[in-house]
Amino acid sequence: MNSLKKFIFLLFVLINIQSVFAQQEDKSLLTLDMIFNGNYFSGESAEQTRWIDNGKLYTALESSKETTDGKDIVK
């Protein structure tokens, strides 16, 4: 009878240990919270974009590579 109690206790412990490991969150999975509340999918935006040549081209202001705190018009 004593060995049966030990067996049941060991079985109970093994089942609970397995469930603890199974509940760990997989960080590689995509969640709705990551999509809508995180910064994972935010991108850079073009400032003051203007369409020219009947919508075939656009110009935008971007940070200047040559002048500190300056802006360049890029096409």
N, C-alpha and C. Protein backbone atom coordinates (compact mmCIF):
# COMPACT_ATOMS: atom_id res chain seq x y z
N MET A 1 0.82 -1.19 0.00
CA MET A 1 0.00 0.00 0.00
C MET A 1 0.86 1.26 0.00
N ASN A 2 1.97 1.20 0.73
CA ASN A 2 2.87 2.35 0.81
C ASN A 2 3.50 2.64 -0.55
N SER A 3 3.84 1.62 -1.31
CA SER A 3 4.41 1.82 -2.63
C SER A 3 3.39 2.41 -3.61
N LEU A 4 2.12 2.09 -3.43
CA LEU A 4 1.06 2.66 -4.26
C LEU A 4 0.94 4.17 -4.00
N LYS A 5 1.03 4.58 -2.76
CA LYS A 5 0.99 6.00 -2.42
C LYS A 5 2.18 6.74 -3.03
N LYS A 6 3.35 6.12 -2.96
CA LYS A 6 4.54 6.72 -3.56
C LYS A 6 4.38 6.86 -5.06
N PHE A 7 3.83 5.83 -5.69
CA PHE A 7 3.62 5.86 -7.13
C PHE A 7 2.62 6.97 -7.51
N ILE A 8 1.53 7.07 -6.79
CA ILE A 8 0.52 8.10 -7.08
C ILE A 8 1.12 9.50 -6.86
N PHE A 9 1.89 9.65 -5.79
CA PHE A 9 2.53 10.94 -5.53
C PHE A 9 3.51 11.29 -6.64
N LEU A 10 4.32 10.35 -7.06
CA LEU A 10 5.28 10.58 -8.14
C LEU A 10 4.57 10.92 -9.45
N LEU A 11 3.49 10.22 -9.74
CA LEU A 11 2.71 10.50 -10.93
C LEU A 11 2.11 11.91 -10.86
N PHE A 12 1.61 12.30 -9.73
CA PHE A 12 1.06 13.64 -9.53
C PHE A 12 2.13 14.71 -9.75
N VAL A 13 3.31 14.50 -9.22
CA VAL A 13 4.41 15.45 -9.38
C VAL A 13 4.82 15.55 -10.84
N LEU A 14 4.95 14.46 -11.53
CA LEU A 14 5.34 14.46 -12.93
C LEU A 14 4.31 15.18 -13.81
N ILE A 15 3.05 14.96 -13.54
CA ILE A 15 2.00 15.63 -14.32
C ILE A 15 2.04 17.14 -14.09
N ASN A 16 2.24 17.56 -12.87
CA ASN A 16 2.29 18.99 -12.57
C ASN A 16 3.54 19.66 -13.14
N ILE A 17 4.66 18.98 -13.13
CA ILE A 17 5.88 19.54 -13.72
C ILE A 17 5.70 19.73 -15.22
N GLN A 18 5.09 18.76 -15.87
CA GLN A 18 4.85 18.86 -17.31
C GLN A 18 3.95 20.04 -17.62
N SER A 19 2.92 20.28 -16.83
CA SER A 19 2.00 21.38 -17.10
C SER A 19 2.66 22.73 -16.85
N VAL A 20 3.61 22.81 -15.94
CA VAL A 20 4.33 24.07 -15.71
C VAL A 20 5.17 24.41 -16.93
N PHE A 21 5.86 23.45 -17.49
CA PHE A 21 6.67 23.70 -18.68
C PHE A 21 5.81 23.97 -19.91
N ALA A 22 4.64 23.36 -19.98
CA ALA A 22 3.77 23.56 -21.13
C ALA A 22 3.15 24.96 -21.13
N GLN A 23 3.07 25.63 -19.99
CA GLN A 23 2.45 26.94 -19.90
C GLN A 23 3.41 28.08 -20.18
N GLN A 24 4.67 27.81 -20.40
CA GLN A 24 5.61 28.88 -20.69
C GLN A 24 5.31 29.47 -22.06
N GLU A 25 5.33 30.80 -22.14
CA GLU A 25 4.98 31.50 -23.36
C GLU A 25 6.12 31.43 -24.37
N ASP A 26 5.77 31.13 -25.60
CA ASP A 26 6.74 31.09 -26.69
C ASP A 26 6.89 32.50 -27.25
N LYS A 27 8.05 33.12 -27.05
CA LYS A 27 8.28 34.50 -27.46
C LYS A 27 8.37 34.65 -28.98
N SER A 28 8.52 33.57 -29.70
CA SER A 28 8.63 33.66 -31.15
C SER A 28 7.27 33.71 -31.84
N LEU A 29 6.19 33.47 -31.09
CA LEU A 29 4.85 33.48 -31.67
C LEU A 29 4.33 34.91 -31.77
N LEU A 30 3.64 35.20 -32.84
CA LEU A 30 3.05 36.51 -33.06
C LEU A 30 1.70 36.57 -32.36
N THR A 31 1.47 37.63 -31.59
CA THR A 31 0.21 37.79 -30.88
C THR A 31 -0.47 39.07 -31.33
N LEU A 32 -1.76 39.18 -31.07
CA LEU A 32 -2.50 40.40 -31.40
C LEU A 32 -1.97 41.59 -30.60
N ASP A 33 -1.57 41.35 -29.38
CA ASP A 33 -1.01 42.42 -28.56
C ASP A 33 0.28 42.96 -29.19
N MET A 34 1.11 42.10 -29.72
CA MET A 34 2.34 42.54 -30.37
C MET A 34 2.03 43.36 -31.63
N ILE A 35 1.01 42.97 -32.37
CA ILE A 35 0.67 43.66 -33.61
C ILE A 35 0.11 45.05 -33.33
N PHE A 36 -0.85 45.15 -32.42
CA PHE A 36 -1.57 46.40 -32.24
C PHE A 36 -0.99 47.30 -31.15
N ASN A 37 -0.28 46.75 -30.18
CA ASN A 37 0.22 47.56 -29.07
C ASN A 37 1.73 47.68 -29.02
N GLY A 38 2.42 46.88 -29.79
CA GLY A 38 3.87 46.91 -29.78
C GLY A 38 4.42 47.79 -30.89
N ASN A 39 5.72 47.94 -30.89
CA ASN A 39 6.40 48.73 -31.92
C ASN A 39 7.11 47.84 -32.93
N TYR A 40 6.68 46.59 -33.03
CA TYR A 40 7.35 45.64 -33.89
C TYR A 40 7.19 45.96 -35.37
N PHE A 41 6.05 46.57 -35.73
CA PHE A 41 5.75 46.78 -37.13
C PHE A 41 5.67 48.26 -37.49
N SER A 42 6.23 49.10 -36.66
CA SER A 42 6.22 50.52 -36.99
C SER A 42 7.38 50.81 -37.94
N GLY A 43 7.13 51.67 -38.87
CA GLY A 43 8.15 52.01 -39.85
C GLY A 43 8.37 53.50 -39.89
N GLU A 44 9.31 53.89 -40.67
CA GLU A 44 9.57 55.30 -40.84
C GLU A 44 8.57 55.86 -41.85
N SER A 45 8.16 57.08 -41.64
CA SER A 45 7.24 57.71 -42.57
C SER A 45 7.93 58.87 -43.26
N ALA A 46 7.50 59.15 -44.46
CA ALA A 46 8.05 60.28 -45.21
C ALA A 46 7.30 61.53 -44.78
N GLU A 47 8.05 62.54 -44.41
CA GLU A 47 7.44 63.79 -43.98
C GLU A 47 7.05 64.63 -45.20
N GLN A 48 5.91 65.23 -45.14
CA GLN A 48 5.43 66.16 -46.15
C GLN A 48 5.64 65.63 -47.57
N THR A 49 5.02 64.53 -47.88
CA THR A 49 5.11 63.92 -49.20
C THR A 49 4.17 64.66 -50.16
N ARG A 50 4.68 64.96 -51.35
CA ARG A 50 3.88 65.63 -52.38
C ARG A 50 4.01 64.85 -53.68
N TRP A 51 2.89 64.62 -54.35
CA TRP A 51 2.89 63.94 -55.64
C TRP A 51 3.10 64.96 -56.74
N ILE A 52 3.92 64.59 -57.75
CA ILE A 52 4.17 65.46 -58.90
C ILE A 52 4.05 64.65 -60.18
N ASP A 53 4.05 65.35 -61.31
CA ASP A 53 4.01 64.72 -62.64
C ASP A 53 2.79 63.80 -62.78
N ASN A 54 1.63 64.36 -62.39
CA ASN A 54 0.36 63.61 -62.46
C ASN A 54 0.38 62.30 -61.71
N GLY A 55 1.02 62.28 -60.57
CA GLY A 55 1.02 61.09 -59.71
C GLY A 55 2.05 60.05 -60.05
N LYS A 56 2.94 60.34 -60.98
CA LYS A 56 3.98 59.36 -61.36
C LYS A 56 5.17 59.40 -60.40
N LEU A 57 5.43 60.56 -59.81
CA LEU A 57 6.57 60.74 -58.91
C LEU A 57 6.10 61.44 -57.64
N TYR A 58 6.93 61.39 -56.63
CA TYR A 58 6.64 62.15 -55.42
C TYR A 58 7.94 62.75 -54.87
N THR A 59 7.78 63.81 -54.13
CA THR A 59 8.91 64.42 -53.42
C THR A 59 8.62 64.32 -51.93
N ALA A 60 9.65 64.29 -51.14
CA ALA A 60 9.50 64.21 -49.69
C ALA A 60 10.64 64.94 -49.02
N LEU A 61 10.39 65.43 -47.81
CA LEU A 61 11.44 66.01 -47.00
C LEU A 61 12.03 64.91 -46.14
N GLU A 62 13.36 64.78 -46.18
CA GLU A 62 14.05 63.80 -45.36
C GLU A 62 15.19 64.49 -44.63
N SER A 63 15.64 63.89 -43.55
CA SER A 63 16.76 64.44 -42.80
C SER A 63 17.99 64.51 -43.69
N SER A 64 18.68 65.64 -43.63
CA SER A 64 19.85 65.85 -44.47
C SER A 64 21.04 65.04 -43.98
N LYS A 65 21.76 64.46 -44.91
CA LYS A 65 22.98 63.73 -44.58
C LYS A 65 24.18 64.66 -44.46
N GLU A 66 24.04 65.87 -45.00
CA GLU A 66 25.16 66.81 -45.03
C GLU A 66 25.05 67.91 -43.98
N THR A 67 23.83 68.33 -43.65
CA THR A 67 23.62 69.44 -42.74
C THR A 67 22.94 68.96 -41.48
N THR A 68 23.48 69.32 -40.34
CA THR A 68 22.89 68.95 -39.06
C THR A 68 21.54 69.66 -38.90
N ASP A 69 20.55 68.95 -38.49
CA ASP A 69 19.19 69.46 -38.30
C ASP A 69 18.58 70.02 -39.57
N GLY A 70 19.12 69.69 -40.74
CA GLY A 70 18.58 70.18 -42.00
C GLY A 70 17.70 69.15 -42.66
N LYS A 71 16.99 69.59 -43.69
CA LYS A 71 16.10 68.71 -44.45
C LYS A 71 16.49 68.81 -45.92
N ASP A 72 16.34 67.73 -46.64
CA ASP A 72 16.57 67.68 -48.08
C ASP A 72 15.27 67.30 -48.77
N ILE A 73 15.03 67.89 -49.93
CA ILE A 73 13.90 67.48 -50.77
C ILE A 73 14.40 66.36 -51.66
N VAL A 74 13.79 65.20 -51.55
CA VAL A 74 14.21 64.05 -52.36
C VAL A 74 13.09 63.65 -53.29
N LYS A 75 13.45 63.11 -54.43
CA LYS A 75 12.49 62.73 -55.46
C LYS A 75 12.51 61.23 -55.62
